[in-house]
Amino acid sequence: MWGAMKSPEAYKTISEVSELIGVPQHVLRFWETKFAGIRPLKRGGNRRYYRPEDLRLLRIVNHLLYTEGYTIRGVQKLLREKGAGSVLSGLDGAAPEEALDAPPSTPDAAAVPDLVAPQPPEQGEPTVALASLTLDAPAIARLQALRQELARVLAA
């Protein structure tokens, strides 16, 4: 909400970036430790102010992790080898910037059972009640990405 009122060139606080990208603030702080290119300015009281280039890189990292299914180490390697600009231009679709700017989608709970067809347990395999499992949005997004990749491979 706050980020929508500011100019795209304005520095943004961690709460604004968290809302824009759709990840919790602690995840943003963690990504700062894992990706050298994410270096927000820190002011009094250690408050973070993200520059437009930080926001762009955070969107790339978010897309690669949660949509493309990369691991943190995989994203680090990709950014180190190709750079953020090359990674951005290599994302699928004609307008990758628009894909990164799209608001994060949260699949509804009704879509979760359709992600994995139930299989009977093998002999000696422990069983877990599906009702006891909880999936967060990144896990659901990862499962959907894997399902799409499997469909693509099977269609080839």
N, C-alpha and C. Protein backbone atom coordinates (compact mmCIF):
# COMPACT_ATOMS: atom_id res chain seq x y z
N MET A 1 0.82 -1.18 0.00
CA MET A 1 0.00 0.00 0.00
C MET A 1 0.86 1.25 0.00
N TRP A 2 1.83 1.31 0.91
CA TRP A 2 2.68 2.49 0.99
C TRP A 2 3.51 2.67 -0.27
N GLY A 3 4.07 1.56 -0.79
CA GLY A 3 4.93 1.65 -1.96
C GLY A 3 4.19 2.16 -3.18
N ALA A 4 2.87 1.97 -3.23
CA ALA A 4 2.09 2.40 -4.38
C ALA A 4 2.00 3.92 -4.45
N MET A 5 2.14 4.60 -3.31
CA MET A 5 2.01 6.06 -3.28
C MET A 5 3.32 6.75 -3.64
N LYS A 6 4.42 6.07 -3.55
CA LYS A 6 5.72 6.67 -3.81
C LYS A 6 6.10 6.55 -5.28
N SER A 7 6.99 7.41 -5.68
CA SER A 7 7.56 7.33 -7.01
C SER A 7 8.36 6.03 -7.14
N PRO A 8 8.43 5.45 -8.35
CA PRO A 8 9.23 4.25 -8.53
C PRO A 8 10.71 4.47 -8.19
N GLU A 9 11.16 5.71 -8.25
CA GLU A 9 12.56 6.03 -7.97
C GLU A 9 12.82 6.25 -6.48
N ALA A 10 11.77 6.34 -5.68
CA ALA A 10 11.92 6.62 -4.25
C ALA A 10 12.48 5.41 -3.51
N TYR A 11 13.22 5.68 -2.45
CA TYR A 11 13.71 4.61 -1.59
C TYR A 11 12.53 4.07 -0.80
N LYS A 12 12.54 2.78 -0.54
CA LYS A 12 11.42 2.16 0.15
C LYS A 12 11.90 1.46 1.43
N THR A 13 11.04 1.46 2.43
CA THR A 13 11.36 0.79 3.69
C THR A 13 11.17 -0.71 3.53
N ILE A 14 11.66 -1.46 4.51
CA ILE A 14 11.54 -2.92 4.44
C ILE A 14 10.08 -3.35 4.46
N SER A 15 9.23 -2.64 5.18
CA SER A 15 7.81 -3.02 5.21
C SER A 15 7.16 -2.78 3.85
N GLU A 16 7.53 -1.70 3.17
CA GLU A 16 6.99 -1.43 1.84
C GLU A 16 7.46 -2.48 0.85
N VAL A 17 8.74 -2.83 0.90
CA VAL A 17 9.29 -3.83 -0.02
C VAL A 17 8.65 -5.19 0.25
N SER A 18 8.50 -5.52 1.52
CA SER A 18 7.87 -6.78 1.90
C SER A 18 6.47 -6.88 1.29
N GLU A 19 5.73 -5.81 1.37
CA GLU A 19 4.37 -5.79 0.82
C GLU A 19 4.39 -5.84 -0.70
N LEU A 20 5.30 -5.11 -1.34
CA LEU A 20 5.37 -5.09 -2.80
C LEU A 20 5.74 -6.45 -3.38
N ILE A 21 6.69 -7.12 -2.75
CA ILE A 21 7.19 -8.38 -3.28
C ILE A 21 6.38 -9.58 -2.80
N GLY A 22 5.79 -9.44 -1.63
CA GLY A 22 4.97 -10.53 -1.11
C GLY A 22 5.74 -11.55 -0.29
N VAL A 23 6.83 -11.11 0.33
CA VAL A 23 7.57 -12.00 1.24
C VAL A 23 7.72 -11.30 2.59
N PRO A 24 7.82 -12.06 3.66
CA PRO A 24 7.98 -11.45 4.99
C PRO A 24 9.30 -10.68 5.12
N GLN A 25 9.33 -9.75 6.06
CA GLN A 25 10.52 -8.93 6.27
C GLN A 25 11.73 -9.77 6.65
N HIS A 26 11.53 -10.81 7.44
CA HIS A 26 12.68 -11.63 7.85
C HIS A 26 13.32 -12.33 6.64
N VAL A 27 12.52 -12.62 5.62
CA VAL A 27 13.07 -13.24 4.41
C VAL A 27 13.95 -12.23 3.67
N LEU A 28 13.51 -10.98 3.61
CA LEU A 28 14.32 -9.94 2.97
C LEU A 28 15.65 -9.77 3.69
N ARG A 29 15.62 -9.76 5.03
CA ARG A 29 16.86 -9.63 5.80
C ARG A 29 17.77 -10.84 5.56
N PHE A 30 17.17 -12.03 5.44
CA PHE A 30 17.95 -13.24 5.16
C PHE A 30 18.59 -13.15 3.77
N TRP A 31 17.82 -12.71 2.78
CA TRP A 31 18.36 -12.59 1.42
C TRP A 31 19.53 -11.62 1.37
N GLU A 32 19.51 -10.59 2.22
CA GLU A 32 20.64 -9.66 2.27
C GLU A 32 21.93 -10.39 2.63
N THR A 33 21.83 -11.43 3.45
CA THR A 33 23.03 -12.19 3.84
C THR A 33 23.48 -13.15 2.75
N LYS A 34 22.58 -13.50 1.85
CA LYS A 34 22.89 -14.49 0.82
C LYS A 34 23.23 -13.90 -0.54
N PHE A 35 22.77 -12.69 -0.81
CA PHE A 35 22.99 -12.08 -2.12
C PHE A 35 23.70 -10.75 -1.94
N ALA A 36 24.94 -10.69 -2.40
CA ALA A 36 25.78 -9.51 -2.18
C ALA A 36 25.22 -8.26 -2.85
N GLY A 37 24.45 -8.41 -3.91
CA GLY A 37 23.91 -7.26 -4.62
C GLY A 37 22.78 -6.56 -3.89
N ILE A 38 22.23 -7.21 -2.89
CA ILE A 38 21.14 -6.60 -2.12
C ILE A 38 21.75 -5.91 -0.91
N ARG A 39 21.90 -4.59 -1.03
CA ARG A 39 22.52 -3.80 0.04
C ARG A 39 21.73 -2.53 0.27
N PRO A 40 20.67 -2.62 1.06
CA PRO A 40 19.90 -1.40 1.32
C PRO A 40 20.72 -0.43 2.17
N LEU A 41 20.40 0.84 2.03
CA LEU A 41 21.04 1.84 2.89
C LEU A 41 20.50 1.67 4.29
N LYS A 42 21.36 1.85 5.27
CA LYS A 42 20.91 1.75 6.66
C LYS A 42 21.08 3.10 7.32
N ARG A 43 20.02 3.56 7.95
CA ARG A 43 20.02 4.84 8.64
C ARG A 43 19.87 4.61 10.13
N GLY A 44 19.61 5.67 10.85
CA GLY A 44 19.50 5.60 12.29
C GLY A 44 18.61 4.46 12.76
N GLY A 45 19.06 3.77 13.80
CA GLY A 45 18.30 2.64 14.31
C GLY A 45 18.36 1.43 13.39
N ASN A 46 19.34 1.41 12.48
CA ASN A 46 19.51 0.31 11.53
C ASN A 46 18.30 0.12 10.61
N ARG A 47 17.57 1.20 10.36
CA ARG A 47 16.43 1.10 9.44
C ARG A 47 16.95 0.98 8.02
N ARG A 48 16.32 0.09 7.27
CA ARG A 48 16.74 -0.18 5.90
C ARG A 48 15.93 0.65 4.92
N TYR A 49 16.64 1.16 3.90
CA TYR A 49 16.00 1.87 2.81
C TYR A 49 16.49 1.24 1.51
N TYR A 50 15.56 0.62 0.79
CA TYR A 50 15.91 -0.09 -0.44
C TYR A 50 15.84 0.85 -1.64
N ARG A 51 16.90 0.82 -2.45
CA ARG A 51 16.96 1.61 -3.68
C ARG A 51 16.20 0.87 -4.78
N PRO A 52 15.86 1.54 -5.87
CA PRO A 52 15.16 0.87 -6.97
C PRO A 52 15.92 -0.36 -7.50
N GLU A 53 17.26 -0.27 -7.56
CA GLU A 53 18.02 -1.43 -8.05
C GLU A 53 17.98 -2.60 -7.06
N ASP A 54 17.88 -2.30 -5.75
CA ASP A 54 17.70 -3.37 -4.76
C ASP A 54 16.36 -4.05 -4.98
N LEU A 55 15.33 -3.25 -5.20
CA LEU A 55 13.99 -3.78 -5.41
C LEU A 55 13.94 -4.65 -6.66
N ARG A 56 14.60 -4.21 -7.71
CA ARG A 56 14.65 -4.98 -8.96
C ARG A 56 15.32 -6.33 -8.73
N LEU A 57 16.45 -6.33 -8.02
CA LEU A 57 17.15 -7.59 -7.74
C LEU A 57 16.32 -8.48 -6.82
N LEU A 58 15.65 -7.90 -5.84
CA LEU A 58 14.79 -8.69 -4.95
C LEU A 58 13.66 -9.36 -5.74
N ARG A 59 13.11 -8.65 -6.71
CA ARG A 59 12.05 -9.24 -7.53
C ARG A 59 12.59 -10.39 -8.37
N ILE A 60 13.81 -10.24 -8.89
CA ILE A 60 14.43 -11.32 -9.66
C ILE A 60 14.64 -12.53 -8.76
N VAL A 61 15.21 -12.31 -7.58
CA VAL A 61 15.47 -13.41 -6.64
C VAL A 61 14.16 -14.09 -6.27
N ASN A 62 13.14 -13.31 -5.95
CA ASN A 62 11.84 -13.86 -5.59
C ASN A 62 11.28 -14.72 -6.73
N HIS A 63 11.35 -14.20 -7.95
CA HIS A 63 10.84 -14.93 -9.12
C HIS A 63 11.60 -16.25 -9.32
N LEU A 64 12.91 -16.18 -9.24
CA LEU A 64 13.71 -17.39 -9.46
C LEU A 64 13.46 -18.43 -8.37
N LEU A 65 13.35 -17.99 -7.13
CA LEU A 65 13.15 -18.93 -6.02
C LEU A 65 11.74 -19.52 -6.03
N TYR A 66 10.74 -18.67 -6.11
CA TYR A 66 9.37 -19.14 -5.90
C TYR A 66 8.62 -19.49 -7.17
N THR A 67 9.00 -18.94 -8.31
CA THR A 67 8.30 -19.26 -9.55
C THR A 67 9.08 -20.27 -10.39
N GLU A 68 10.37 -20.01 -10.55
CA GLU A 68 11.20 -20.89 -11.36
C GLU A 68 11.71 -22.11 -10.60
N GLY A 69 11.66 -22.05 -9.27
CA GLY A 69 12.03 -23.21 -8.46
C GLY A 69 13.52 -23.38 -8.18
N TYR A 70 14.30 -22.34 -8.35
CA TYR A 70 15.72 -22.41 -8.05
C TYR A 70 15.95 -22.50 -6.54
N THR A 71 17.10 -23.04 -6.17
CA THR A 71 17.54 -22.99 -4.78
C THR A 71 18.30 -21.68 -4.59
N ILE A 72 18.57 -21.33 -3.34
CA ILE A 72 19.35 -20.12 -3.09
C ILE A 72 20.72 -20.25 -3.74
N ARG A 73 21.34 -21.39 -3.57
CA ARG A 73 22.66 -21.60 -4.19
C ARG A 73 22.57 -21.50 -5.71
N GLY A 74 21.50 -22.01 -6.30
CA GLY A 74 21.32 -21.93 -7.75
C GLY A 74 21.16 -20.49 -8.23
N VAL A 75 20.41 -19.69 -7.47
CA VAL A 75 20.23 -18.27 -7.82
C VAL A 75 21.57 -17.54 -7.68
N GLN A 76 22.31 -17.84 -6.61
CA GLN A 76 23.62 -17.21 -6.43
C GLN A 76 24.53 -17.50 -7.62
N LYS A 77 24.55 -18.75 -8.03
CA LYS A 77 25.40 -19.15 -9.16
C LYS A 77 24.96 -18.46 -10.45
N LEU A 78 23.65 -18.43 -10.68
CA LEU A 78 23.12 -17.79 -11.88
C LEU A 78 23.46 -16.31 -11.91
N LEU A 79 23.28 -15.62 -10.80
CA LEU A 79 23.59 -14.18 -10.75
C LEU A 79 25.09 -13.93 -10.88
N ARG A 80 25.90 -14.81 -10.29
CA ARG A 80 27.35 -14.65 -10.38
C ARG A 80 27.83 -14.85 -11.82
N GLU A 81 27.28 -15.86 -12.50
CA GLU A 81 27.73 -16.18 -13.85
C GLU A 81 27.16 -15.23 -14.92
N LYS A 82 25.89 -14.86 -14.77
CA LYS A 82 25.25 -14.09 -15.84
C LYS A 82 24.95 -12.64 -15.47
N GLY A 83 24.85 -12.33 -14.20
CA GLY A 83 24.48 -10.98 -13.78
C GLY A 83 22.98 -10.79 -13.80
N ALA A 84 22.50 -9.84 -13.03
CA ALA A 84 21.06 -9.62 -12.88
C ALA A 84 20.41 -9.21 -14.20
N GLY A 85 21.09 -8.37 -14.99
CA GLY A 85 20.51 -7.92 -16.26
C GLY A 85 20.29 -9.06 -17.23
N SER A 86 21.26 -9.95 -17.34
CA SER A 86 21.12 -11.10 -18.23
C SER A 86 20.04 -12.05 -17.74
N VAL A 87 19.98 -12.23 -16.43
CA VAL A 87 18.96 -13.11 -15.86
C VAL A 87 17.58 -12.55 -16.15
N LEU A 88 17.42 -11.24 -15.98
CA LEU A 88 16.13 -10.60 -16.23
C LEU A 88 15.72 -10.77 -17.68
N SER A 89 16.64 -10.55 -18.61
CA SER A 89 16.29 -10.67 -20.02
C SER A 89 16.08 -12.12 -20.43
N GLY A 90 16.61 -13.07 -19.67
CA GLY A 90 16.46 -14.48 -20.00
C GLY A 90 15.22 -15.13 -19.42
N LEU A 91 14.47 -14.42 -18.58
CA LEU A 91 13.26 -15.00 -18.00
C LEU A 91 12.23 -15.22 -19.09
N ASP A 92 11.37 -16.26 -18.91
CA ASP A 92 10.41 -16.53 -19.97
C ASP A 92 9.41 -15.42 -20.14
N GLY A 93 8.87 -15.38 -21.33
CA GLY A 93 7.88 -14.36 -21.67
C GLY A 93 8.54 -13.19 -22.37
N ALA A 94 7.74 -12.48 -23.14
CA ALA A 94 8.26 -11.35 -23.89
C ALA A 94 8.54 -10.16 -23.01
N ALA A 95 7.84 -10.07 -21.88
CA ALA A 95 8.01 -8.91 -21.00
C ALA A 95 8.30 -9.37 -19.57
N PRO A 96 9.54 -9.83 -19.31
CA PRO A 96 9.85 -10.34 -17.99
C PRO A 96 9.69 -9.30 -16.89
N GLU A 97 9.90 -8.02 -17.19
CA GLU A 97 9.72 -6.97 -16.17
C GLU A 97 8.28 -6.98 -15.67
N GLU A 98 7.32 -7.17 -16.62
CA GLU A 98 5.92 -7.19 -16.23
C GLU A 98 5.63 -8.40 -15.35
N ALA A 99 6.24 -9.53 -15.66
CA ALA A 99 6.04 -10.73 -14.85
C ALA A 99 6.55 -10.51 -13.44
N LEU A 100 7.67 -9.79 -13.31
CA LEU A 100 8.22 -9.53 -11.99
C LEU A 100 7.37 -8.52 -11.23
N ASP A 101 6.70 -7.62 -11.94
CA ASP A 101 5.88 -6.61 -11.29
C ASP A 101 4.50 -7.12 -10.90
N ALA A 102 4.12 -8.28 -11.41
CA ALA A 102 2.80 -8.81 -11.10
C ALA A 102 2.72 -9.10 -9.61
N PRO A 103 1.56 -8.84 -9.01
CA PRO A 103 1.44 -9.12 -7.58
C PRO A 103 1.55 -10.61 -7.34
N PRO A 104 2.12 -11.01 -6.21
CA PRO A 104 2.27 -12.43 -5.94
C PRO A 104 0.90 -13.09 -5.84
N SER A 105 0.79 -14.27 -6.44
CA SER A 105 -0.48 -14.97 -6.37
C SER A 105 -0.42 -15.99 -5.25
N THR A 106 -1.52 -16.09 -4.54
CA THR A 106 -1.61 -17.07 -3.47
C THR A 106 -2.66 -18.08 -3.87
N PRO A 107 -2.23 -19.31 -4.18
CA PRO A 107 -3.19 -20.32 -4.59
C PRO A 107 -4.16 -20.61 -3.45
N ASP A 108 -5.42 -20.90 -3.80
CA ASP A 108 -6.35 -21.20 -2.74
C ASP A 108 -6.18 -22.65 -2.28
N ALA A 109 -6.68 -22.92 -1.11
CA ALA A 109 -6.50 -24.23 -0.50
C ALA A 109 -7.17 -25.33 -1.30
N ALA A 110 -8.22 -25.01 -2.05
CA ALA A 110 -8.92 -26.02 -2.84
C ALA A 110 -8.04 -26.58 -3.94
N ALA A 111 -7.04 -25.83 -4.40
CA ALA A 111 -6.17 -26.28 -5.48
C ALA A 111 -5.10 -27.24 -4.98
N VAL A 112 -4.84 -27.27 -3.70
CA VAL A 112 -3.75 -28.09 -3.16
C VAL A 112 -3.95 -29.57 -3.38
N PRO A 113 -5.12 -30.16 -3.09
CA PRO A 113 -5.26 -31.60 -3.28
C PRO A 113 -5.05 -32.03 -4.72
N ASP A 114 -5.31 -31.15 -5.68
CA ASP A 114 -5.16 -31.48 -7.08
C ASP A 114 -3.69 -31.52 -7.52
N LEU A 115 -2.79 -31.01 -6.70
CA LEU A 115 -1.38 -30.93 -7.10
C LEU A 115 -0.72 -32.30 -7.17
N VAL A 116 -1.05 -33.18 -6.26
CA VAL A 116 -0.38 -34.48 -6.20
C VAL A 116 -1.45 -35.56 -6.11
N ALA A 117 -1.44 -36.48 -7.07
CA ALA A 117 -2.38 -37.58 -7.02
C ALA A 117 -1.97 -38.54 -5.91
N PRO A 118 -2.91 -38.97 -5.07
CA PRO A 118 -2.54 -39.87 -3.98
C PRO A 118 -2.07 -41.21 -4.51
N GLN A 119 -1.04 -41.73 -3.90
CA GLN A 119 -0.49 -43.03 -4.25
C GLN A 119 -0.59 -43.93 -3.03
N PRO A 120 -0.89 -45.21 -3.23
CA PRO A 120 -0.92 -46.10 -2.06
C PRO A 120 0.49 -46.23 -1.49
N PRO A 121 0.61 -46.28 -0.16
CA PRO A 121 1.95 -46.40 0.44
C PRO A 121 2.58 -47.74 0.12
N GLU A 122 3.89 -47.73 -0.08
CA GLU A 122 4.61 -48.97 -0.32
C GLU A 122 4.72 -49.73 0.99
N GLN A 123 5.04 -51.01 0.89
CA GLN A 123 5.16 -51.86 2.08
C GLN A 123 6.18 -51.27 3.05
N GLY A 124 5.80 -51.07 4.28
CA GLY A 124 6.72 -50.57 5.30
C GLY A 124 6.89 -49.06 5.29
N GLU A 125 6.27 -48.38 4.34
CA GLU A 125 6.39 -46.92 4.26
C GLU A 125 5.44 -46.28 5.27
N PRO A 126 5.93 -45.35 6.08
CA PRO A 126 5.04 -44.72 7.06
C PRO A 126 3.98 -43.89 6.35
N THR A 127 2.79 -43.87 6.89
CA THR A 127 1.72 -43.09 6.30
C THR A 127 1.50 -41.83 7.12
N VAL A 128 1.16 -40.75 6.43
CA VAL A 128 0.89 -39.47 7.07
C VAL A 128 -0.46 -39.00 6.56
N ALA A 129 -1.31 -38.60 7.46
CA ALA A 129 -2.62 -38.09 7.05
C ALA A 129 -2.43 -36.76 6.32
N LEU A 130 -3.01 -36.65 5.13
CA LEU A 130 -2.86 -35.42 4.37
C LEU A 130 -3.44 -34.23 5.11
N ALA A 131 -4.45 -34.44 5.92
CA ALA A 131 -5.05 -33.34 6.66
C ALA A 131 -4.07 -32.72 7.64
N SER A 132 -3.07 -33.50 8.07
CA SER A 132 -2.10 -32.96 9.04
C SER A 132 -1.00 -32.14 8.38
N LEU A 133 -0.91 -32.20 7.05
CA LEU A 133 0.11 -31.44 6.34
C LEU A 133 -0.39 -30.04 6.04
N THR A 134 0.50 -29.06 6.21
CA THR A 134 0.16 -27.70 5.82
C THR A 134 1.20 -27.23 4.82
N LEU A 135 0.74 -26.60 3.77
CA LEU A 135 1.63 -26.08 2.74
C LEU A 135 1.50 -24.57 2.70
N ASP A 136 2.64 -23.89 2.72
CA ASP A 136 2.61 -22.44 2.60
C ASP A 136 2.64 -22.07 1.12
N ALA A 137 2.43 -20.82 0.82
CA ALA A 137 2.34 -20.36 -0.57
C ALA A 137 3.59 -20.71 -1.38
N PRO A 138 4.83 -20.54 -0.85
CA PRO A 138 6.00 -20.92 -1.65
C PRO A 138 6.03 -22.42 -1.97
N ALA A 139 5.60 -23.25 -1.03
CA ALA A 139 5.59 -24.70 -1.29
C ALA A 139 4.57 -25.03 -2.37
N ILE A 140 3.42 -24.39 -2.31
CA ILE A 140 2.39 -24.62 -3.33
C ILE A 140 2.88 -24.15 -4.69
N ALA A 141 3.51 -22.98 -4.73
CA ALA A 141 4.04 -22.46 -5.99
C ALA A 141 5.10 -23.40 -6.56
N ARG A 142 5.94 -23.93 -5.68
CA ARG A 142 6.99 -24.87 -6.11
C ARG A 142 6.37 -26.14 -6.69
N LEU A 143 5.34 -26.67 -6.02
CA LEU A 143 4.67 -27.86 -6.52
C LEU A 143 4.01 -27.60 -7.87
N GLN A 144 3.40 -26.43 -8.03
CA GLN A 144 2.78 -26.10 -9.32
C GLN A 144 3.83 -25.98 -10.41
N ALA A 145 4.97 -25.39 -10.09
CA ALA A 145 6.05 -25.27 -11.08
C ALA A 145 6.57 -26.65 -11.48
N LEU A 146 6.72 -27.54 -10.50
CA LEU A 146 7.18 -28.90 -10.80
C LEU A 146 6.16 -29.64 -11.67
N ARG A 147 4.90 -29.43 -11.37
CA ARG A 147 3.85 -30.07 -12.15
C ARG A 147 3.89 -29.59 -13.60
N GLN A 148 4.07 -28.29 -13.82
CA GLN A 148 4.16 -27.74 -15.17
C GLN A 148 5.38 -28.28 -15.89
N GLU A 149 6.50 -28.36 -15.18
CA GLU A 149 7.73 -28.89 -15.78
C GLU A 149 7.55 -30.35 -16.17
N LEU A 150 6.90 -31.13 -15.30
CA LEU A 150 6.65 -32.54 -15.60
C LEU A 150 5.75 -32.67 -16.83
N ALA A 151 4.72 -31.85 -16.92
CA ALA A 151 3.82 -31.88 -18.08
C ALA A 151 4.59 -31.53 -19.35
N ARG A 152 5.49 -30.55 -19.25
CA ARG A 152 6.29 -30.15 -20.42
C ARG A 152 7.20 -31.29 -20.86
N VAL A 153 7.84 -31.96 -19.91
CA VAL A 153 8.75 -33.07 -20.23
C VAL A 153 7.97 -34.24 -20.82
N LEU A 154 6.82 -34.55 -20.25
CA LEU A 154 6.02 -35.66 -20.76
C LEU A 154 5.46 -35.38 -22.15
N ALA A 155 5.19 -34.10 -22.45
CA ALA A 155 4.65 -33.73 -23.75
C ALA A 155 5.73 -33.76 -24.85
N ALA A 156 6.98 -33.67 -24.46
CA ALA A 156 8.07 -33.61 -25.45
C ALA A 156 8.34 -34.96 -26.07
